[in-house]
Amino acid sequence: MSAQSPLNNRLIAAHTKHLDEMRESFHSLRDPYRVPPKGKIVVEAFDGISSRYQYTWKRDIPVTVFWVGEDATEHKHASSWDPNRKQNYGGFDDPNDRSGYFPAKFKPKLNPFYIALPYNDVARSGGRFKLEAPGLIKWFWRAAKAPGQSVCKGRWLAIHYGHKVCYAQWEDCGPFYTDDHAYVFQNSRPKPNRNGNTGLDVSPAVRDFLGVKSGQRVSWKFVESADVPQGPWSEWVFPQS
């Protein structure tokens, strides 16, 4: 076999050096399977509306009305995520003494358009996320800030009844259950309960905007905060990851 030419030797040497440089660069990454820091994810808009997630409507869901400070025996002075809920809200959200969408005696410090769903992503003991939460909650990894800090609290919903759609924030857990993830995040119906299989608690402001009564049925779905339109709830719209 003839000896390789000087040109071939130089080419082989250059190629070997290039491979060595690539290997060195590859192994210098802290995580070689991660997208580099400057990498960007481009999300295309659809007619000016956020298309990050397309949440589906849950239909024909019985509702009840609840309110901040409802009854100490029902634990409404606190919520599942706020032990000082009534104080932070500003007082008793009297459902029978209203001024527009507000309680008559004060303007709330927090959004009067609030709801409760029967799931809590934080376990009672230990204050850690429930094991199923990361796999069920579509926005979990975008919203998780610290262990045990709920990613459900403050989440926006659209609620449809009749010819109206109301927007409200998830601020408490119930009715009756805090573990019904098959209904809240999947396709099951609400767990049976003694109140007509209710699956959604709504505040007096939501009640009044929609004109809905306890026991009647609505449709609801999660929405991104960027998709919440202007309305009486708008003063409390904050950016959400």
Protein backbone atom coordinates (compact mmCIF):
# COMPACT_ATOMS: atom_id res chain seq x y z
CA MET A 1 0.00 0.00 0.00
CA SER A 2 1.40 3.37 -0.96
CA ALA A 3 2.18 5.94 1.69
CA GLN A 4 -0.35 8.74 2.13
CA SER A 5 0.55 12.08 0.60
CA PRO A 6 1.47 15.05 2.78
CA LEU A 7 -1.83 16.69 1.72
CA ASN A 8 -3.89 13.75 2.97
CA ASN A 9 -1.96 13.72 6.22
CA ARG A 10 -2.72 17.40 6.74
CA LEU A 11 -6.42 16.86 6.00
CA ILE A 12 -6.63 13.95 8.42
CA ALA A 13 -4.85 15.97 11.11
CA ALA A 14 -7.17 18.94 10.60
CA HIS A 15 -10.26 16.73 10.76
CA THR A 16 -9.04 15.03 13.93
CA LYS A 17 -8.41 18.40 15.56
CA HIS A 18 -11.93 19.55 14.60
CA LEU A 19 -13.49 16.45 16.18
CA ASP A 20 -11.45 16.94 19.35
CA GLU A 21 -12.64 20.57 19.55
CA MET A 22 -16.27 19.48 19.12
CA ARG A 23 -15.93 16.88 21.87
CA GLU A 24 -14.36 19.43 24.21
CA SER A 25 -17.12 21.92 23.47
CA PHE A 26 -19.83 19.29 23.96
CA HIS A 27 -18.52 18.11 27.32
CA SER A 28 -17.99 21.65 28.54
CA LEU A 29 -21.76 22.16 28.61
CA ARG A 30 -23.25 21.82 32.07
CA ASP A 31 -26.08 19.83 30.53
CA PRO A 32 -25.33 18.75 26.93
CA TYR A 33 -29.02 18.04 26.31
CA ARG A 34 -30.24 21.47 27.34
CA VAL A 35 -31.12 24.24 24.92
CA PRO A 36 -28.28 26.82 25.09
CA PRO A 37 -29.15 29.93 27.12
CA LYS A 38 -29.59 32.10 24.02
CA GLY A 39 -32.03 29.66 22.43
CA LYS A 40 -35.55 31.03 22.02
CA ILE A 41 -38.93 29.40 21.68
CA VAL A 42 -41.10 31.17 19.15
CA VAL A 43 -44.85 30.95 19.68
CA GLU A 44 -47.01 31.93 16.76
CA ALA A 45 -50.08 33.98 17.53
CA PHE A 46 -53.47 33.03 16.14
CA ASP A 47 -55.49 36.08 15.14
CA GLY A 48 -53.94 38.05 17.99
CA ILE A 49 -55.07 35.53 20.61
CA SER A 50 -52.66 33.58 22.81
CA SER A 51 -52.36 30.02 21.46
CA ARG A 52 -49.98 28.58 24.04
CA TYR A 53 -52.64 26.22 25.30
CA GLN A 54 -56.09 25.39 24.07
CA TYR A 55 -58.09 24.52 27.16
CA THR A 56 -61.41 22.76 26.67
CA TRP A 57 -64.75 23.66 28.19
CA LYS A 58 -66.20 21.56 31.00
CA ARG A 59 -69.91 21.68 30.41
CA ASP A 60 -73.08 21.25 32.45
CA ILE A 61 -71.38 21.78 35.83
CA PRO A 62 -73.65 22.60 38.83
CA VAL A 63 -72.52 25.64 40.83
CA THR A 64 -72.94 26.99 44.33
CA VAL A 65 -72.32 30.49 45.65
CA PHE A 66 -69.75 31.05 48.40
CA TRP A 67 -68.07 34.13 49.82
CA VAL A 68 -65.20 35.37 51.93
CA GLY A 69 -66.16 35.31 55.61
CA GLU A 70 -69.18 33.10 54.93
CA ASP A 71 -69.14 31.19 58.22
CA ALA A 72 -66.36 30.36 60.64
CA THR A 73 -67.57 26.76 60.74
CA GLU A 74 -67.05 26.59 56.97
CA HIS A 75 -63.52 28.00 57.28
CA LYS A 76 -64.21 30.95 54.97
CA HIS A 77 -62.26 33.39 57.15
CA ALA A 78 -59.30 31.55 55.66
CA SER A 79 -58.80 29.81 52.34
CA SER A 80 -56.79 26.75 51.41
CA TRP A 81 -53.92 29.02 50.36
CA ASP A 82 -54.39 32.10 52.53
CA PRO A 83 -54.86 31.77 56.32
CA ASN A 84 -55.76 35.47 56.47
CA ARG A 85 -58.09 35.52 53.48
CA LYS A 86 -60.82 37.66 55.07
CA GLN A 87 -58.34 40.24 56.38
CA ASN A 88 -56.44 40.41 53.10
CA TYR A 89 -59.69 40.71 51.15
CA GLY A 90 -60.77 43.61 53.34
CA GLY A 91 -63.74 42.16 55.19
CA PHE A 92 -66.94 40.14 54.85
CA ASP A 93 -68.02 39.76 51.22
CA ASP A 94 -71.72 40.00 52.11
CA PRO A 95 -73.71 38.33 49.31
CA ASN A 96 -76.93 40.17 50.23
CA ASP A 97 -75.64 43.73 50.66
CA ARG A 98 -74.00 44.75 47.40
CA SER A 99 -72.92 47.88 45.58
CA GLY A 100 -72.58 46.77 42.00
CA TYR A 101 -70.16 43.87 42.05
CA PHE A 102 -68.65 44.90 45.40
CA PRO A 103 -69.84 44.44 48.98
CA ALA A 104 -71.66 47.62 49.96
CA LYS A 105 -69.51 48.45 52.97
CA PHE A 106 -66.04 48.47 51.36
CA LYS A 107 -64.10 48.05 48.15
CA PRO A 108 -62.19 44.76 48.23
CA LYS A 109 -58.41 44.73 48.26
CA LEU A 110 -58.45 41.57 46.14
CA ASN A 111 -60.41 40.48 43.11
CA PRO A 112 -64.13 40.02 44.00
CA PHE A 113 -64.42 37.72 40.98
CA TYR A 114 -63.15 34.51 42.55
CA ILE A 115 -64.02 30.81 42.47
CA ALA A 116 -63.18 27.52 44.16
CA LEU A 117 -62.46 24.17 42.50
CA PRO A 118 -62.14 20.82 44.32
CA TYR A 119 -58.39 20.40 44.07
CA ASN A 120 -55.35 21.59 46.01
CA ASP A 121 -51.94 21.10 44.41
CA VAL A 122 -50.23 21.39 47.82
CA ALA A 123 -50.45 18.54 50.33
CA ARG A 124 -51.74 19.38 53.80
CA SER A 125 -48.90 17.59 55.52
CA GLY A 126 -45.41 18.80 54.72
CA GLY A 127 -46.48 21.69 52.51
CA ARG A 128 -45.16 20.01 49.36
CA PHE A 129 -46.68 19.62 45.93
CA LYS A 130 -48.80 16.53 45.49
CA LEU A 131 -47.07 13.84 43.47
CA GLU A 132 -49.52 14.02 40.58
CA ALA A 133 -49.47 17.82 40.24
CA PRO A 134 -46.54 18.26 37.80
CA GLY A 135 -47.96 15.71 35.38
CA LEU A 136 -51.54 17.02 35.50
CA ILE A 137 -51.25 20.81 35.58
CA LYS A 138 -50.34 22.08 32.11
CA TRP A 139 -48.81 25.31 33.39
CA PHE A 140 -47.00 23.72 36.36
CA TRP A 141 -43.39 24.17 35.19
CA ARG A 142 -44.05 27.69 33.94
CA ALA A 143 -45.60 28.79 37.20
CA ALA A 144 -43.75 26.86 39.92
CA LYS A 145 -41.70 29.32 41.98
CA ALA A 146 -40.92 27.45 45.19
CA PRO A 147 -41.76 24.10 46.79
CA GLY A 148 -45.28 24.15 48.16
CA GLN A 149 -46.20 27.54 46.66
CA SER A 150 -49.43 26.81 44.81
CA VAL A 151 -49.49 27.16 41.03
CA CYS A 152 -53.30 26.99 41.08
CA LYS A 153 -53.96 30.02 43.28
CA GLY A 154 -54.85 33.02 41.14
CA ARG A 155 -55.35 31.00 37.97
CA TRP A 156 -57.93 32.52 35.61
CA LEU A 157 -61.12 30.79 34.44
CA ALA A 158 -63.77 31.70 31.92
CA ILE A 159 -67.29 30.81 33.08
CA HIS A 160 -70.18 30.69 30.60
CA TYR A 161 -73.85 30.91 31.49
CA GLY A 162 -76.70 31.96 29.22
CA HIS A 163 -75.34 34.59 26.86
CA LYS A 164 -72.51 35.81 29.12
CA VAL A 165 -68.93 34.83 29.91
CA CYS A 166 -67.39 35.92 33.21
CA TYR A 167 -63.69 35.78 34.14
CA ALA A 168 -62.60 34.95 37.68
CA GLN A 169 -59.58 33.74 39.65
CA TRP A 170 -59.14 30.45 41.48
CA GLU A 171 -58.71 31.42 45.13
CA ASP A 172 -59.93 28.48 47.23
CA CYS A 173 -60.53 24.72 47.15
CA GLY A 174 -63.93 23.05 47.15
CA PRO A 175 -66.76 22.32 47.19
CA PHE A 176 -66.35 19.33 49.52
CA TYR A 177 -63.10 17.94 48.08
CA THR A 178 -59.50 18.98 47.52
CA ASP A 179 -58.35 15.91 45.58
CA ASP A 180 -60.67 15.68 42.56
CA HIS A 181 -57.95 16.06 39.93
CA ALA A 182 -59.72 13.67 37.54
CA TYR A 183 -62.48 16.28 37.19
CA VAL A 184 -60.46 19.50 37.41
CA PHE A 185 -57.68 18.53 35.00
CA GLN A 186 -59.01 15.53 33.12
CA ASN A 187 -62.34 14.45 31.66
CA SER A 188 -64.30 13.07 34.62
CA ARG A 189 -67.45 14.52 36.11
CA PRO A 190 -67.25 16.05 39.62
CA LYS A 191 -67.22 13.55 42.46
CA PRO A 192 -70.68 12.84 43.85
CA ASN A 193 -71.57 15.08 46.79
CA ARG A 194 -74.57 15.99 48.90
CA ASN A 195 -75.11 19.28 47.10
CA GLY A 196 -76.24 18.00 43.73
CA ASN A 197 -72.73 16.98 42.61
CA THR A 198 -71.62 20.60 42.56
CA GLY A 199 -68.30 21.15 40.82
CA LEU A 200 -67.68 24.90 41.10
CA ASP A 201 -68.09 27.55 43.81
CA VAL A 202 -68.56 31.12 42.54
CA SER A 203 -68.36 34.43 44.38
CA PRO A 204 -71.27 36.89 44.69
CA ALA A 205 -69.68 39.05 41.98
CA VAL A 206 -69.57 36.12 39.55
CA ARG A 207 -73.15 35.23 40.51
CA ASP A 208 -74.37 38.75 39.84
CA PHE A 209 -72.50 39.20 36.56
CA LEU A 210 -73.84 35.94 35.12
CA GLY A 211 -77.24 36.01 36.81
CA VAL A 212 -76.73 32.43 37.97
CA LYS A 213 -78.14 30.77 41.09
CA SER A 214 -76.89 27.88 43.20
CA GLY A 215 -77.85 24.59 41.59
CA GLN A 216 -77.84 25.92 38.05
CA ARG A 217 -75.34 24.64 35.50
CA VAL A 218 -72.51 26.46 33.77
CA SER A 219 -69.54 25.73 31.53
CA TRP A 220 -66.00 26.70 32.47
CA LYS A 221 -62.42 26.44 31.26
CA PHE A 222 -58.96 27.66 32.23
CA VAL A 223 -57.58 30.65 30.32
CA GLU A 224 -54.23 32.38 30.15
CA SER A 225 -54.08 35.78 31.84
CA ALA A 226 -53.14 37.32 28.49
CA ASP A 227 -56.52 36.19 27.16
CA VAL A 228 -58.61 37.83 29.88
CA PRO A 229 -60.56 40.70 28.26
CA GLN A 230 -61.50 44.01 29.79
CA GLY A 231 -64.34 43.80 32.28
CA PRO A 232 -65.24 44.51 35.91
CA TRP A 233 -62.48 42.04 36.90
CA SER A 234 -59.82 43.98 34.94
CA GLU A 235 -58.44 46.01 37.83
CA TRP A 236 -57.04 42.78 39.28
CA VAL A 237 -55.44 41.45 36.08
CA PHE A 238 -51.73 40.82 36.66
CA PRO A 239 -49.11 39.21 34.38
CA GLN A 240 -48.91 35.46 34.87
CA SER A 241 -46.14 33.20 33.61
